[in-house]
Amino acid sequence: MALRRPGVRIPLGPLEKSTAVLFFFYFGAGMPVDAHGKLAAEPFSWYACPDGGLRIYWEGKLVRTLPTAKATLLLSKLELASAQEVQLLLAKATGNFKRGNEQKHPK
């Protein structure tokens, strides 16, 4: 990789282009977080269990139960978040639950 000096424009190589694309993909590059506006209706709710776990509900239906370790991390973020950020954090914690990626638990 060539060193860049101020005022000198060097074209990006293939590796640098792919790195830039990955950066924008993962970090959003200023793109809207809730592009379709579905989180504005606040479909997610949560309940902190007495045992330290966290239950996440979508439209009143239980979609995810987090264990204590992950729940404490998420709860610390939820306490400082705005209403819109809470919805986003809960959506990210549930994953893509409506697309069939539910975890199979042995019975």
N, C-alpha and C. Protein backbone atom coordinates (compact mmCIF):
# COMPACT_ATOMS: atom_id res chain seq x y z
N MET A 1 0.85 -1.16 0.00
CA MET A 1 0.00 0.00 0.00
C MET A 1 0.91 1.24 0.00
N ALA A 2 0.60 2.16 -0.86
CA ALA A 2 1.41 3.37 -0.98
C ALA A 2 1.03 4.37 0.11
N LEU A 3 2.03 5.10 0.58
CA LEU A 3 1.77 6.16 1.55
C LEU A 3 1.15 7.35 0.83
N ARG A 4 0.20 7.97 1.48
CA ARG A 4 -0.46 9.11 0.86
C ARG A 4 0.06 10.39 1.47
N ARG A 5 0.32 11.34 0.61
CA ARG A 5 0.73 12.67 1.06
C ARG A 5 -0.41 13.63 0.81
N PRO A 6 -0.55 14.65 1.66
CA PRO A 6 -1.62 15.64 1.45
C PRO A 6 -1.48 16.31 0.08
N GLY A 7 -2.58 16.42 -0.60
CA GLY A 7 -2.61 17.09 -1.90
C GLY A 7 -2.27 16.20 -3.07
N VAL A 8 -1.83 14.97 -2.83
CA VAL A 8 -1.48 14.05 -3.91
C VAL A 8 -2.54 12.95 -3.95
N ARG A 9 -3.20 12.84 -5.07
CA ARG A 9 -4.27 11.85 -5.21
C ARG A 9 -3.71 10.58 -5.83
N ILE A 10 -3.83 9.48 -5.11
CA ILE A 10 -3.38 8.18 -5.59
C ILE A 10 -4.61 7.31 -5.76
N PRO A 11 -4.78 6.68 -6.92
CA PRO A 11 -5.96 5.84 -7.11
C PRO A 11 -5.94 4.64 -6.15
N LEU A 12 -7.15 4.23 -5.72
CA LEU A 12 -7.27 3.09 -4.81
C LEU A 12 -7.06 1.79 -5.57
N GLY A 13 -6.35 0.88 -4.93
CA GLY A 13 -6.17 -0.46 -5.49
C GLY A 13 -7.36 -1.33 -5.14
N PRO A 14 -7.41 -2.56 -5.66
CA PRO A 14 -8.56 -3.44 -5.40
C PRO A 14 -8.73 -3.77 -3.92
N LEU A 15 -7.62 -3.95 -3.20
CA LEU A 15 -7.72 -4.27 -1.78
C LEU A 15 -8.27 -3.09 -0.99
N GLU A 16 -7.83 -1.90 -1.32
CA GLU A 16 -8.32 -0.70 -0.63
C GLU A 16 -9.80 -0.46 -0.93
N LYS A 17 -10.22 -0.73 -2.16
CA LYS A 17 -11.63 -0.55 -2.52
C LYS A 17 -12.50 -1.52 -1.73
N SER A 18 -12.08 -2.79 -1.63
CA SER A 18 -12.89 -3.76 -0.91
C SER A 18 -12.94 -3.43 0.58
N THR A 19 -11.83 -2.92 1.13
CA THR A 19 -11.82 -2.51 2.53
C THR A 19 -12.77 -1.35 2.76
N ALA A 20 -12.80 -0.40 1.85
CA ALA A 20 -13.70 0.74 1.99
C ALA A 20 -15.16 0.29 1.91
N VAL A 21 -15.46 -0.63 1.01
CA VAL A 21 -16.82 -1.14 0.88
C VAL A 21 -17.24 -1.86 2.15
N LEU A 22 -16.35 -2.69 2.71
CA LEU A 22 -16.68 -3.38 3.95
C LEU A 22 -16.88 -2.40 5.09
N PHE A 23 -16.07 -1.36 5.16
CA PHE A 23 -16.21 -0.36 6.21
C PHE A 23 -17.59 0.29 6.14
N PHE A 24 -18.01 0.71 4.96
CA PHE A 24 -19.30 1.36 4.81
C PHE A 24 -20.44 0.38 5.06
N PHE A 25 -20.24 -0.90 4.72
CA PHE A 25 -21.29 -1.90 4.95
C PHE A 25 -21.50 -2.11 6.44
N TYR A 26 -20.42 -2.26 7.20
CA TYR A 26 -20.54 -2.56 8.62
C TYR A 26 -20.89 -1.34 9.46
N PHE A 27 -20.40 -0.16 9.10
CA PHE A 27 -20.60 1.00 9.95
C PHE A 27 -21.65 1.94 9.43
N GLY A 28 -22.32 1.60 8.36
CA GLY A 28 -23.48 2.35 7.92
C GLY A 28 -23.21 3.55 7.05
N ALA A 29 -22.13 4.24 7.23
CA ALA A 29 -21.76 5.40 6.43
C ALA A 29 -22.89 6.43 6.37
N GLY A 30 -23.57 6.63 7.49
CA GLY A 30 -24.60 7.65 7.57
C GLY A 30 -25.93 7.24 6.98
N MET A 31 -26.12 5.97 6.65
CA MET A 31 -27.38 5.52 6.12
C MET A 31 -28.41 5.45 7.24
N PRO A 32 -29.70 5.62 6.95
CA PRO A 32 -30.71 5.55 8.01
C PRO A 32 -30.75 4.16 8.63
N VAL A 33 -30.98 4.13 9.93
CA VAL A 33 -30.97 2.86 10.64
C VAL A 33 -32.28 2.12 10.43
N ASP A 34 -33.39 2.83 10.53
CA ASP A 34 -34.71 2.23 10.34
C ASP A 34 -35.28 2.74 9.02
N ALA A 35 -34.81 2.17 7.94
CA ALA A 35 -35.13 2.68 6.61
C ALA A 35 -36.62 2.62 6.30
N HIS A 36 -37.33 1.63 6.82
CA HIS A 36 -38.74 1.46 6.49
C HIS A 36 -39.67 2.07 7.55
N GLY A 37 -39.11 2.56 8.65
CA GLY A 37 -39.91 3.20 9.67
C GLY A 37 -40.74 2.26 10.52
N LYS A 38 -40.40 0.98 10.55
CA LYS A 38 -41.20 0.01 11.30
C LYS A 38 -40.97 0.09 12.80
N LEU A 39 -39.82 0.62 13.23
CA LEU A 39 -39.55 0.70 14.66
C LEU A 39 -40.21 1.91 15.30
N ALA A 40 -40.78 2.80 14.50
CA ALA A 40 -41.46 3.98 15.04
C ALA A 40 -42.69 3.58 15.84
N ALA A 41 -43.31 2.46 15.50
CA ALA A 41 -44.50 1.98 16.22
C ALA A 41 -44.14 1.28 17.52
N GLU A 42 -42.84 1.16 17.81
CA GLU A 42 -42.31 0.50 19.00
C GLU A 42 -42.88 -0.91 19.19
N PRO A 43 -42.55 -1.83 18.25
CA PRO A 43 -43.08 -3.19 18.36
C PRO A 43 -42.38 -4.04 19.42
N PHE A 44 -41.19 -3.65 19.86
CA PHE A 44 -40.44 -4.45 20.82
C PHE A 44 -40.66 -3.96 22.24
N SER A 45 -40.74 -4.92 23.16
CA SER A 45 -40.77 -4.63 24.58
C SER A 45 -39.88 -5.65 25.28
N TRP A 46 -39.56 -5.40 26.54
CA TRP A 46 -38.66 -6.30 27.25
C TRP A 46 -39.05 -6.41 28.71
N TYR A 47 -38.58 -7.50 29.32
CA TYR A 47 -38.84 -7.76 30.72
C TYR A 47 -37.57 -8.33 31.33
N ALA A 48 -37.09 -7.70 32.41
CA ALA A 48 -35.91 -8.19 33.13
C ALA A 48 -36.37 -9.23 34.14
N CYS A 49 -35.92 -10.45 33.97
CA CYS A 49 -36.30 -11.56 34.84
C CYS A 49 -35.59 -11.45 36.20
N PRO A 50 -36.19 -11.98 37.25
CA PRO A 50 -35.53 -11.96 38.56
C PRO A 50 -34.22 -12.75 38.59
N ASP A 51 -34.08 -13.75 37.73
CA ASP A 51 -32.85 -14.55 37.71
C ASP A 51 -31.72 -13.87 36.94
N GLY A 52 -31.96 -12.68 36.38
CA GLY A 52 -30.92 -11.93 35.67
C GLY A 52 -31.04 -12.00 34.16
N GLY A 53 -31.93 -12.83 33.65
CA GLY A 53 -32.13 -12.95 32.21
C GLY A 53 -32.97 -11.78 31.68
N LEU A 54 -33.14 -11.76 30.38
CA LEU A 54 -33.93 -10.71 29.75
C LEU A 54 -34.81 -11.34 28.69
N ARG A 55 -36.09 -11.05 28.74
CA ARG A 55 -37.02 -11.54 27.73
C ARG A 55 -37.38 -10.40 26.80
N ILE A 56 -37.31 -10.68 25.50
CA ILE A 56 -37.63 -9.66 24.49
C ILE A 56 -38.89 -10.11 23.77
N TYR A 57 -39.85 -9.19 23.69
CA TYR A 57 -41.13 -9.46 23.06
C TYR A 57 -41.28 -8.60 21.81
N TRP A 58 -41.93 -9.17 20.81
CA TRP A 58 -42.28 -8.43 19.59
C TRP A 58 -43.78 -8.52 19.45
N GLU A 59 -44.44 -7.38 19.50
CA GLU A 59 -45.90 -7.29 19.44
C GLU A 59 -46.55 -8.24 20.44
N GLY A 60 -45.98 -8.30 21.64
CA GLY A 60 -46.55 -9.11 22.72
C GLY A 60 -46.17 -10.57 22.71
N LYS A 61 -45.41 -11.02 21.72
CA LYS A 61 -45.01 -12.43 21.63
C LYS A 61 -43.54 -12.56 22.00
N LEU A 62 -43.22 -13.54 22.83
CA LEU A 62 -41.84 -13.77 23.23
C LEU A 62 -41.04 -14.27 22.02
N VAL A 63 -39.96 -13.55 21.69
CA VAL A 63 -39.14 -13.95 20.54
C VAL A 63 -37.72 -14.33 20.93
N ARG A 64 -37.26 -13.88 22.10
CA ARG A 64 -35.88 -14.19 22.48
C ARG A 64 -35.74 -14.06 23.99
N THR A 65 -35.00 -14.99 24.58
CA THR A 65 -34.63 -14.91 25.99
C THR A 65 -33.12 -14.88 26.06
N LEU A 66 -32.58 -13.83 26.65
CA LEU A 66 -31.13 -13.70 26.74
C LEU A 66 -30.65 -14.21 28.09
N PRO A 67 -29.52 -14.91 28.12
CA PRO A 67 -28.94 -15.35 29.39
C PRO A 67 -28.39 -14.16 30.18
N THR A 68 -28.05 -14.41 31.41
CA THR A 68 -27.66 -13.34 32.33
C THR A 68 -26.50 -12.50 31.81
N ALA A 69 -25.46 -13.13 31.28
CA ALA A 69 -24.28 -12.38 30.84
C ALA A 69 -24.63 -11.39 29.73
N LYS A 70 -25.35 -11.86 28.71
CA LYS A 70 -25.73 -10.97 27.61
C LYS A 70 -26.78 -9.97 28.05
N ALA A 71 -27.64 -10.38 28.98
CA ALA A 71 -28.71 -9.50 29.45
C ALA A 71 -28.15 -8.30 30.20
N THR A 72 -27.13 -8.51 31.03
CA THR A 72 -26.57 -7.38 31.78
C THR A 72 -25.91 -6.38 30.84
N LEU A 73 -25.26 -6.87 29.79
CA LEU A 73 -24.67 -5.96 28.80
C LEU A 73 -25.75 -5.14 28.11
N LEU A 74 -26.80 -5.81 27.67
CA LEU A 74 -27.87 -5.12 26.96
C LEU A 74 -28.62 -4.17 27.88
N LEU A 75 -28.85 -4.57 29.12
CA LEU A 75 -29.56 -3.69 30.06
C LEU A 75 -28.79 -2.41 30.33
N SER A 76 -27.47 -2.51 30.40
CA SER A 76 -26.68 -1.29 30.62
C SER A 76 -26.80 -0.34 29.44
N LYS A 77 -26.92 -0.88 28.23
CA LYS A 77 -27.11 -0.03 27.05
C LYS A 77 -28.53 0.53 26.99
N LEU A 78 -29.52 -0.28 27.39
CA LEU A 78 -30.91 0.16 27.34
C LEU A 78 -31.19 1.31 28.30
N GLU A 79 -30.51 1.32 29.44
CA GLU A 79 -30.73 2.37 30.42
C GLU A 79 -30.34 3.75 29.90
N LEU A 80 -29.35 3.81 29.03
CA LEU A 80 -28.86 5.09 28.52
C LEU A 80 -29.46 5.48 27.17
N ALA A 81 -30.24 4.60 26.57
CA ALA A 81 -30.73 4.82 25.21
C ALA A 81 -32.05 5.58 25.19
N SER A 82 -32.27 6.27 24.07
CA SER A 82 -33.56 6.92 23.83
C SER A 82 -34.56 5.85 23.39
N ALA A 83 -35.81 6.24 23.23
CA ALA A 83 -36.85 5.28 22.84
C ALA A 83 -36.56 4.64 21.49
N GLN A 84 -36.09 5.44 20.53
CA GLN A 84 -35.77 4.90 19.22
C GLN A 84 -34.56 3.97 19.29
N GLU A 85 -33.56 4.34 20.09
CA GLU A 85 -32.37 3.50 20.23
C GLU A 85 -32.69 2.20 20.94
N VAL A 86 -33.64 2.24 21.88
CA VAL A 86 -34.07 1.02 22.58
C VAL A 86 -34.65 0.03 21.58
N GLN A 87 -35.50 0.53 20.69
CA GLN A 87 -36.10 -0.34 19.68
C GLN A 87 -35.03 -0.95 18.78
N LEU A 88 -34.05 -0.15 18.40
CA LEU A 88 -32.98 -0.65 17.54
C LEU A 88 -32.14 -1.69 18.27
N LEU A 89 -31.80 -1.44 19.53
CA LEU A 89 -31.01 -2.41 20.30
C LEU A 89 -31.76 -3.73 20.47
N LEU A 90 -33.04 -3.66 20.73
CA LEU A 90 -33.83 -4.88 20.88
C LEU A 90 -33.95 -5.63 19.56
N ALA A 91 -34.10 -4.88 18.46
CA ALA A 91 -34.17 -5.52 17.14
C ALA A 91 -32.86 -6.23 16.82
N LYS A 92 -31.74 -5.60 17.14
CA LYS A 92 -30.44 -6.23 16.88
C LYS A 92 -30.22 -7.43 17.77
N ALA A 93 -30.72 -7.38 19.01
CA ALA A 93 -30.54 -8.50 19.94
C ALA A 93 -31.36 -9.72 19.51
N THR A 94 -32.50 -9.49 18.88
CA THR A 94 -33.33 -10.62 18.46
C THR A 94 -32.81 -11.25 17.18
N GLY A 95 -32.07 -10.50 16.40
CA GLY A 95 -31.62 -11.04 15.12
C GLY A 95 -32.75 -11.02 14.11
N ASN A 96 -32.65 -11.85 13.12
CA ASN A 96 -33.65 -11.91 12.06
C ASN A 96 -34.63 -13.03 12.39
N PHE A 97 -35.36 -12.89 13.49
CA PHE A 97 -36.19 -13.97 13.99
C PHE A 97 -37.35 -14.34 13.10
N LYS A 98 -37.79 -13.44 12.23
CA LYS A 98 -38.94 -13.72 11.37
C LYS A 98 -38.55 -14.45 10.08
N ARG A 99 -37.29 -14.81 9.93
CA ARG A 99 -36.84 -15.45 8.70
C ARG A 99 -36.40 -16.90 8.89
N GLY A 100 -36.76 -17.48 10.02
CA GLY A 100 -36.50 -18.90 10.21
C GLY A 100 -35.14 -19.24 10.78
N ASN A 101 -34.48 -18.29 11.41
CA ASN A 101 -33.17 -18.61 11.98
C ASN A 101 -33.28 -18.88 13.48
N GLU A 102 -34.43 -19.32 13.93
CA GLU A 102 -34.59 -19.61 15.35
C GLU A 102 -33.64 -20.73 15.73
N GLN A 103 -33.09 -20.61 16.92
CA GLN A 103 -32.16 -21.64 17.38
C GLN A 103 -32.94 -22.87 17.79
N LYS A 104 -32.42 -24.02 17.41
CA LYS A 104 -33.03 -25.29 17.77
C LYS A 104 -32.47 -25.73 19.12
N HIS A 105 -33.33 -25.83 20.12
CA HIS A 105 -32.89 -26.25 21.44
C HIS A 105 -33.30 -27.72 21.64
N PRO A 106 -32.41 -28.54 22.15
CA PRO A 106 -32.80 -29.93 22.42
C PRO A 106 -33.87 -29.98 23.52
N LYS A 107 -34.80 -30.87 23.34
CA LYS A 107 -35.90 -30.99 24.33
C LYS A 107 -35.59 -32.03 25.36
